[in-house]
Protein backbone atom coordinates (compact mmCIF):
# COMPACT_ATOMS: atom_id res chain seq x y z
CA UNK A 1 0.00 0.00 0.00
CA UNK A 2 1.34 3.43 -0.98
CA UNK A 3 2.27 5.68 1.96
CA UNK A 4 1.47 9.38 2.03
CA UNK A 5 5.14 10.21 1.57
CA UNK A 6 5.39 7.87 -1.42
CA UNK A 7 2.25 9.44 -2.93
CA UNK A 8 3.76 12.90 -2.54
CA UNK A 9 6.96 11.80 -4.28
CA UNK A 10 4.96 10.20 -7.12
CA UNK A 11 2.83 13.33 -7.68
CA UNK A 12 5.95 15.49 -7.68
CA UNK A 13 7.55 13.24 -10.31
CA UNK A 14 4.41 13.30 -12.47
CA UNK A 15 4.28 17.13 -12.40
CA UNK A 16 7.96 17.29 -13.34
CA UNK A 17 7.32 14.90 -16.26
CA UNK A 18 4.63 17.23 -17.67
CA UNK A 19 6.96 20.23 -17.38
CA UNK A 20 9.88 18.32 -18.96
CA UNK A 21 7.69 17.21 -21.87
CA UNK A 22 6.65 20.79 -22.69
CA UNK A 23 10.24 21.95 -22.39
CA UNK A 24 11.53 19.21 -24.73
CA UNK A 25 8.93 20.26 -27.30
CA UNK A 26 9.97 23.88 -26.84
CA UNK A 27 6.48 25.09 -26.03
CA UNK A 28 4.42 26.43 -23.14
CA UNK A 29 2.16 24.26 -21.08
CA UNK A 30 -1.26 23.70 -22.57
CA UNK A 31 -4.38 24.70 -20.63
CA UNK A 32 -5.10 21.04 -19.85
CA UNK A 33 -1.52 20.47 -18.68
CA UNK A 34 -1.64 23.55 -16.42
CA UNK A 35 -4.95 22.38 -14.95
CA UNK A 36 -3.52 18.88 -14.39
CA UNK A 37 -0.46 20.29 -12.63
CA UNK A 38 -2.65 22.49 -10.45
CA UNK A 39 -4.78 19.48 -9.45
CA UNK A 40 -1.70 17.35 -8.75
CA UNK A 41 -0.13 20.21 -6.74
CA UNK A 42 -3.15 20.37 -4.46
CA UNK A 43 -3.03 16.59 -4.01
CA UNK A 44 0.73 16.85 -3.40
CA UNK A 45 0.26 19.47 -0.64
CA UNK A 46 -2.41 17.31 0.99
CA UNK A 47 -0.21 14.19 0.86
CA UNK A 48 2.76 16.07 2.37
CA UNK A 49 0.59 17.42 5.20
CA UNK A 50 -0.77 13.97 6.00
CA UNK A 51 2.69 12.40 5.77
CA UNK A 52 4.06 14.94 8.27
CA UNK A 53 1.12 14.31 10.58
CA UNK A 54 1.69 10.55 10.48
CA UNK A 55 5.45 10.92 11.03
CA UNK A 56 4.86 13.29 13.92
CA UNK A 57 2.39 10.88 15.53
CA UNK A 58 4.82 7.98 15.12
CA UNK A 59 7.64 10.01 16.67
CA UNK A 60 5.38 10.96 19.57
CA UNK A 61 4.48 7.34 20.25
CA UNK A 62 8.16 6.40 20.14
CA UNK A 63 9.04 9.13 22.66
CA UNK A 64 6.20 8.11 24.96
CA UNK A 65 7.33 4.50 24.81
CA UNK A 66 10.84 5.53 25.86
CA UNK A 67 9.77 7.97 28.56
CA UNK A 68 8.88 6.38 31.92
CA UNK A 69 5.72 8.40 32.54
CA UNK A 70 3.65 11.37 31.44
CA UNK A 71 2.71 13.07 28.21
CA UNK A 72 5.37 14.92 26.28
CA UNK A 73 4.42 18.25 24.71
CA UNK A 74 5.44 18.89 21.13
CA UNK A 75 7.74 21.77 22.09
CA UNK A 76 9.72 19.79 24.67
CA UNK A 77 12.82 17.72 24.02
CA UNK A 78 13.06 14.36 25.75
CA UNK A 79 16.29 13.04 27.18
CA UNK A 80 15.80 9.31 27.75
CA UNK A 81 18.75 7.14 28.83
CA UNK A 82 19.40 4.04 26.79
CA UNK A 83 18.53 0.65 28.19
CA UNK A 84 21.05 -0.42 30.79
CA UNK A 85 22.52 3.06 31.09
CA UNK A 86 22.84 4.81 34.41
CA UNK A 87 20.23 7.44 35.32
CA UNK A 88 21.05 10.84 33.87
CA UNK A 89 21.07 13.75 36.29
CA UNK A 90 18.92 16.80 35.64
CA UNK A 91 21.75 19.18 34.78
CA UNK A 92 23.55 16.68 32.54
CA UNK A 93 20.31 16.01 30.64
CA UNK A 94 19.74 19.75 30.19
CA UNK A 95 23.19 20.54 28.75
CA UNK A 96 23.02 17.39 26.62
CA UNK A 97 19.67 18.32 25.09
CA UNK A 98 19.22 19.47 21.50
CA UNK A 99 17.81 22.77 22.75
CA UNK A 100 20.93 23.63 24.77
CA UNK A 101 23.30 22.40 22.05
CA UNK A 102 21.51 24.59 19.50
CA UNK A 103 21.84 27.55 21.87
CA UNK A 104 25.59 26.96 22.28
CA UNK A 105 26.02 26.55 18.54
CA UNK A 106 24.26 29.85 17.97
CA UNK A 107 26.48 31.59 20.54
CA UNK A 108 29.86 29.81 20.33
CA UNK A 109 31.80 32.68 21.89
CA UNK A 110 29.38 33.44 24.71
CA UNK A 111 26.37 35.66 25.21
CA UNK A 112 26.62 39.39 24.68
CA UNK A 113 24.84 42.03 26.70
CA UNK A 114 21.15 42.26 25.81
CA UNK A 115 21.11 38.97 23.90
CA UNK A 116 17.69 37.28 24.21
CA UNK A 117 17.89 33.83 25.81
CA UNK A 118 15.23 31.15 25.44
CA UNK A 119 16.13 27.47 25.98
CA UNK A 120 13.63 24.70 26.35
CA UNK A 121 11.56 23.42 27.87
CA UNK A 122 13.83 20.39 28.12
CA UNK A 123 11.94 17.38 29.43
CA UNK A 124 14.13 15.33 31.79
CA UNK A 125 12.59 11.88 31.34
CA UNK A 126 14.62 10.31 34.15
CA UNK A 127 14.11 13.14 36.61
CA UNK A 128 12.69 12.46 40.10
CA UNK A 129 12.67 8.71 39.57
CA UNK A 130 12.72 6.55 42.67
CA UNK A 131 15.54 4.10 43.23
CA UNK A 132 14.82 0.38 43.20
CA UNK A 133 16.07 -0.17 46.75
CA UNK A 134 14.01 -2.42 49.02
CA UNK A 135 14.10 -3.21 52.72
CA UNK A 136 16.51 -6.05 52.03
CA UNK A 137 19.04 -3.54 50.68
CA UNK A 138 19.36 -2.19 54.22
CA UNK A 139 20.60 -5.53 55.59
CA UNK A 140 24.20 -6.71 55.75
CA UNK A 141 25.17 -9.58 53.40
CA UNK A 142 25.43 -13.00 55.01
CA UNK A 143 28.43 -14.05 52.91
CA UNK A 144 31.86 -12.72 53.90
CA UNK A 145 34.28 -11.82 51.12
CA UNK A 146 37.95 -10.87 51.41
CA UNK A 147 38.89 -7.21 51.47
CA UNK A 148 36.79 -4.16 52.27
CA UNK A 149 33.37 -3.93 50.62
CA UNK A 150 32.02 -0.42 50.36
CA UNK A 151 28.27 -0.15 49.69
CA UNK A 152 27.40 2.27 46.90
CA UNK A 153 23.63 2.43 47.42
CA UNK A 154 22.47 5.95 48.28
CA UNK A 155 20.52 6.47 51.53
CA UNK A 156 16.82 5.78 51.28
CA UNK A 157 14.65 8.88 51.02
CA UNK A 158 10.91 9.34 51.46
CA UNK A 159 10.39 9.35 47.68
CA UNK A 160 12.11 5.96 47.45
CA UNK A 161 9.70 4.09 49.72
CA UNK A 162 6.33 5.36 48.44
CA UNK A 163 4.42 4.10 45.42
CA UNK A 164 5.34 5.86 42.18
CA UNK A 165 3.35 5.98 38.94
CA UNK A 166 1.82 8.21 36.30
CA UNK A 167 -1.59 9.82 35.84
CA UNK A 168 -3.41 11.60 33.02
CA UNK A 169 -4.92 14.06 35.48
CA UNK A 170 -6.68 14.38 38.83
CA UNK A 171 -9.09 11.74 40.08
CA UNK A 172 -11.39 10.77 42.94
CA UNK A 173 -10.67 7.70 45.04
CA UNK A 174 -11.95 5.87 48.11
CA UNK A 175 -9.73 6.34 51.14
CA UNK A 176 -9.65 3.71 53.90
CA UNK A 177 -9.73 5.75 57.12
CA UNK A 178 -10.65 2.99 59.57
CA UNK A 179 -10.59 -0.80 59.72
CA UNK A 180 -12.16 -3.18 62.24
CA UNK A 181 -11.86 -6.80 61.16
CA UNK A 182 -14.51 -9.11 62.63
CA UNK A 183 -13.97 -12.28 60.59
CA UNK A 184 -14.90 -15.38 62.57
CA UNK A 185 -15.89 -19.03 62.26
CA UNK A 186 -19.70 -19.28 62.15
CA UNK A 187 -21.49 -22.47 63.28
CA UNK A 188 -24.48 -23.89 61.52
CA UNK A 189 -27.72 -22.29 62.57
CA UNK A 190 -30.02 -24.25 64.90
CA UNK A 191 -32.95 -21.90 64.48
CA UNK A 192 -34.10 -18.30 64.07
CA UNK A 193 -33.09 -17.42 67.62
CA UNK A 194 -29.50 -18.71 67.25
CA UNK A 195 -27.48 -15.47 67.51
CA UNK A 196 -24.15 -17.34 67.27
CA UNK A 197 -24.93 -18.27 63.68
CA UNK A 198 -25.14 -14.66 62.51
CA UNK A 199 -22.50 -13.79 59.97
CA UNK A 200 -19.97 -11.21 61.24
CA UNK A 201 -19.50 -7.84 59.57
CA UNK A 202 -16.13 -6.07 59.39
CA UNK A 203 -16.27 -2.31 59.75
CA UNK A 204 -14.25 -0.56 57.03
CA UNK A 205 -14.74 3.21 57.01
CA UNK A 206 -14.28 4.89 53.63
CA UNK A 207 -14.03 8.54 52.59
CA UNK A 208 -14.24 9.92 49.07
CA UNK A 209 -11.08 11.94 48.44
CA UNK A 210 -10.21 14.21 45.53
CA UNK A 211 -6.63 14.03 44.21
CA UNK A 212 -5.73 17.06 42.12
CA UNK A 213 -2.77 17.89 39.89
CA UNK A 214 -0.34 20.36 41.46
CA UNK A 215 2.67 22.14 40.00
CA UNK A 216 5.96 22.03 41.90
CA UNK A 217 8.52 24.56 40.66
CA UNK A 218 11.70 26.36 41.59
CA UNK A 219 14.09 28.66 39.80
CA UNK A 220 17.52 30.19 40.09
CA UNK A 221 19.35 33.15 38.61
CA UNK A 222 22.57 32.36 36.74
CA UNK A 223 24.97 34.55 34.86
CA UNK A 224 25.15 34.30 31.10
CA UNK A 225 28.78 33.21 31.47
CA UNK A 226 27.72 30.23 33.59
CA UNK A 227 24.89 29.41 31.19
CA UNK A 228 27.38 29.21 28.33
CA UNK A 229 29.62 26.88 30.36
CA UNK A 230 28.02 23.43 30.03
CA UNK A 231 29.88 21.66 32.88
CA UNK A 232 29.26 24.55 35.27
CA UNK A 233 25.55 24.87 34.60
CA UNK A 234 25.10 21.07 34.69
CA UNK A 235 26.78 20.89 38.10
CA UNK A 236 24.67 23.76 39.38
CA UNK A 237 21.40 22.25 38.20
CA UNK A 238 22.30 18.80 39.53
CA UNK A 239 23.07 20.17 42.99
CA UNK A 240 20.29 22.74 43.32
CA UNK A 241 17.14 22.53 41.22
CA UNK A 242 16.45 18.79 41.33
CA UNK A 243 17.06 18.78 45.09
CA UNK A 244 14.70 21.73 45.50
CA UNK A 245 11.87 20.04 43.60
CA UNK A 246 12.27 16.77 45.51
CA UNK A 247 12.37 18.75 48.73
CA UNK A 248 9.10 20.60 48.15
CA UNK A 249 7.37 17.38 47.03
CA UNK A 250 8.50 15.71 50.24
CA UNK A 251 7.24 18.64 52.31
CA UNK A 252 3.79 18.50 50.70
CA UNK A 253 3.57 14.71 51.09
CA UNK A 254 4.16 15.08 54.82
CA UNK A 255 2.70 18.46 55.78
CA UNK A 256 0.56 19.74 52.91
CA UNK A 257 -2.43 21.60 54.36
CA UNK A 258 -4.93 20.68 51.64
CA UNK A 259 -5.96 24.35 51.40
CA UNK A 260 -4.72 27.48 49.67
CA UNK A 261 -3.48 25.66 46.58
CA UNK A 262 -1.59 22.97 48.50
CA UNK A 263 -2.22 19.21 48.37
CA UNK A 264 -3.27 17.37 51.53
CA UNK A 265 -0.32 15.71 53.24
CA UNK A 266 -0.24 12.80 55.69
CA UNK A 267 -0.37 14.96 58.81
CA UNK A 268 -3.60 16.59 57.57
CA UNK A 269 -5.25 13.36 56.42
CA UNK A 270 -8.21 11.95 58.35
CA UNK A 271 -7.78 8.35 59.48
CA UNK A 272 -4.03 8.35 60.13
CA UNK A 273 -3.52 6.65 63.50
CA UNK A 274 -1.84 8.29 66.49
CA UNK A 275 0.54 6.81 69.07
CA UNK A 276 1.23 8.62 72.33
CA UNK A 277 4.65 8.54 73.97
CA UNK A 278 5.12 5.45 76.14
CA UNK A 279 8.17 5.09 78.43
CA UNK A 280 10.85 5.61 75.76
CA UNK A 281 11.29 6.11 72.03
CA UNK A 282 11.92 2.45 71.01
CA UNK A 283 8.89 1.25 72.98
CA UNK A 284 6.73 4.03 71.54
CA UNK A 285 7.73 3.12 67.98
CA UNK A 286 7.14 -0.59 68.58
CA UNK A 287 3.63 0.09 69.92
CA UNK A 288 2.98 2.28 66.88
CA UNK A 289 4.01 -0.60 64.62
CA UNK A 290 1.54 -2.81 66.46
CA UNK A 291 -1.31 -0.48 65.47
CA UNK A 292 -0.57 -1.23 61.81
CA UNK A 293 0.14 -4.94 62.05
CA UNK A 294 -3.02 -5.38 64.14
CA UNK A 295 -5.13 -4.47 61.09
CA UNK A 296 -3.07 -6.54 58.66
CA UNK A 297 -0.67 -3.86 57.45
CA UNK A 298 3.10 -4.00 56.95
CA UNK A 299 5.78 -1.64 58.23
CA UNK A 300 7.99 -0.62 55.32
CA UNK A 301 9.79 2.31 56.93
CA UNK A 302 10.05 4.75 59.84
CA UNK A 303 10.46 8.41 58.90
CA UNK A 304 12.28 10.56 61.47
CA UNK A 305 13.52 14.11 61.72
CA UNK A 306 17.33 14.56 61.64
CA UNK A 307 17.27 15.45 65.34
CA UNK A 308 15.39 12.31 66.38
CA UNK A 309 17.52 10.16 64.09
CA UNK A 310 20.63 11.53 65.83
CA UNK A 311 19.12 10.95 69.29
CA UNK A 312 18.47 7.34 68.36
CA UNK A 313 22.10 6.84 67.33
CA UNK A 314 23.25 8.43 70.60
CA UNK A 315 21.18 6.22 72.91
CA UNK A 316 23.32 4.51 75.60
CA UNK A 317 22.85 1.96 78.35
CA UNK A 318 23.67 2.54 82.03
CA UNK A 319 27.38 1.91 81.30
CA UNK A 320 27.42 4.56 78.53
CA UNK A 321 27.66 1.98 75.78
CA UNK A 322 25.85 2.80 72.56
CA UNK A 323 22.86 0.60 71.82
CA UNK A 324 23.56 0.93 68.10
CA UNK A 325 26.74 0.77 66.04
CA UNK A 326 28.47 3.65 67.77
CA UNK A 327 30.47 6.39 66.04
CA UNK A 328 32.83 3.98 64.28
CA UNK A 329 30.43 1.16 63.43
CA UNK A 330 28.87 0.30 60.10
CA UNK A 331 25.66 -1.47 59.25
CA UNK A 332 22.00 -0.97 58.48
CA UNK A 333 20.21 2.07 59.86
CA UNK A 334 17.08 0.38 61.21
CA UNK A 335 14.68 0.42 64.15
CA UNK A 336 13.02 -2.87 65.10
CA UNK A 337 14.30 -4.27 61.79
CA UNK A 338 12.65 -1.56 59.67
CA UNK A 339 14.55 1.09 57.67
CA UNK A 340 14.97 4.52 59.23
CA UNK A 341 14.41 7.31 56.71
CA UNK A 342 15.45 10.85 57.58
CA UNK A 343 13.44 13.85 56.40
CA UNK A 344 14.33 17.38 57.49
CA UNK A 345 10.76 18.31 56.51
CA UNK A 346 9.48 16.41 59.56
CA UNK A 347 9.46 18.37 62.83
CA UNK A 348 11.46 16.97 65.78
CA UNK A 349 9.48 15.00 68.33
CA UNK A 350 7.37 12.93 65.95
CA UNK A 351 7.80 9.98 63.62
CA UNK A 352 5.61 8.60 60.86
CA UNK A 353 5.67 4.89 60.18
CA UNK A 354 3.61 2.24 58.49
CA UNK A 355 3.03 0.82 55.03
CA UNK A 356 4.41 3.58 52.82
CA UNK A 357 3.20 1.78 49.71
CA UNK A 358 -0.22 3.21 50.53
CA UNK A 359 1.17 6.70 49.82
CA UNK A 360 1.34 7.33 46.07
CA UNK A 361 2.90 10.00 43.91
CA UNK A 362 1.70 10.09 40.29
CA UNK A 363 3.63 12.03 37.65
CA UNK A 364 1.47 14.10 35.29
CA UNK A 365 4.30 15.94 33.53
CA UNK A 366 7.96 14.99 33.85
CA UNK A 367 10.53 17.39 35.25
CA UNK A 368 11.39 20.08 32.71
CA UNK A 369 14.04 22.80 32.61
CA UNK A 370 13.48 26.18 30.96
CA UNK A 371 15.98 29.05 30.69
CA UNK A 372 15.13 32.59 29.57
CA UNK A 373 16.10 36.21 30.24
CA UNK A 374 12.81 37.88 29.26
CA UNK A 375 12.40 38.92 32.88
CA UNK A 376 12.67 42.42 34.36
CA UNK A 377 16.09 43.82 33.33
CA UNK A 378 17.91 40.48 33.13
CA UNK A 379 18.93 40.96 29.49
CA UNK A 380 20.67 44.21 30.41
CA UNK A 381 22.37 42.64 33.43
CA UNK A 382 23.61 39.52 31.60
CA UNK A 383 21.46 37.30 33.84
CA UNK A 384 19.25 34.34 32.95
CA UNK A 385 16.44 32.74 34.93
CA UNK A 386 16.52 28.92 34.96
CA UNK A 387 13.29 27.25 36.06
CA UNK A 388 12.56 23.64 36.97
CA UNK A 389 8.95 22.45 36.98
CA UNK A 390 7.21 19.15 37.75
CA UNK A 391 3.48 18.37 37.84
CA UNK A 392 1.94 15.51 39.72
CA UNK A 393 -0.77 14.06 41.96
CA UNK A 394 -0.37 12.69 45.46
CA UNK A 395 -2.74 10.33 47.26
CA UNK A 396 -2.98 8.42 50.54
CA UNK A 397 -5.07 5.32 49.88
CA UNK A 398 -5.03 3.74 53.35
CA UNK A 399 -4.44 6.33 56.08
CA UNK A 400 -5.19 3.69 58.73
CA UNK A 401 -1.97 1.92 57.69
CA UNK A 402 0.08 4.93 58.80
CA UNK A 403 0.81 6.05 62.37
CA UNK A 404 2.11 9.36 63.70
CA UNK A 405 4.09 8.64 66.87
CA UNK A 406 4.79 11.23 69.57
CA UNK A 407 8.45 10.86 70.59
CA UNK A 408 8.39 13.55 73.28
CA UNK A 409 7.99 12.55 76.92
CA UNK A 410 5.24 14.46 78.70
């Protein structure tokens, strides 16, 4: 079957044949020939337009297949690492994009005063992706090998232990805010008055929750000299903007108010269980874990503030011996066998633990980087504004499987 591109090439060749014939006979085109060329030209334009539409659609599908999540706008370039390649950092993806390379090619000797700057948006397909670490990664290997083995896994963060996915937009969902399981063995009924034969009913309380799409963004001012220096701007973006976006997402997951344009975080979610302080911090955390396991949940992590994490490391017995590894020890950072995750967005004196798989973060639009100087007097000052932006949806499906523990003695 003839493709649109092949049809366009055929029509173009047929029009050229008519023109060549008239030229070889040293005459002008006849009225019929001119009409035929006009008809073929219209068909040619239509075939070219449809061919470009098909090719564009095919390229879009290819990009979406490579990208991990989200839709990709037509004006964004996608930087997708090849299979088996290591994850590309935000800054490296930005300076390696076609948009940035075109900008550097256009200004090989730097950017002059007043030069307009507009780069991107560059879609960072691998940005904000969670690692594949699991609880077992926190445990020491059972096999001993010669020499010194240095682990290269990065510390677990909050975004590593929650559920990650993609979404086309906001959605409503049923939230489990309370569970009372009453399953039991029921004997055969001996008559209408036999109350023991009544089937039990578990009490599962549900709320209808609305998960909306929110935009998380941050920006930084850079000099035009730094913008023209690929290694420098890549290092800057890697160390600042990606961290800032992850940081604000983490803050909203934990403490989002649910009002004033903010998503609803765990601390503001109805149905999250509470555990009062009991004797000491380890006992309090263990009793909090019991609240989750009692209703059939699993404990996948304990999130602590940096201050409480430090206090846990510094705990000693009556002989001033550290309960943990001590200042020179190595090993897993756990509490009651569960990973300890540190978040400076959590206030001291409280911990959040439970099944973190019930907390989900859905990506609507992948992290993108945009640079421009059409802002105030930046063009005159040789400054450029670099902005990072990510759009997503957060949800807490089973608040009852999470517990906020009070670590402060009364």
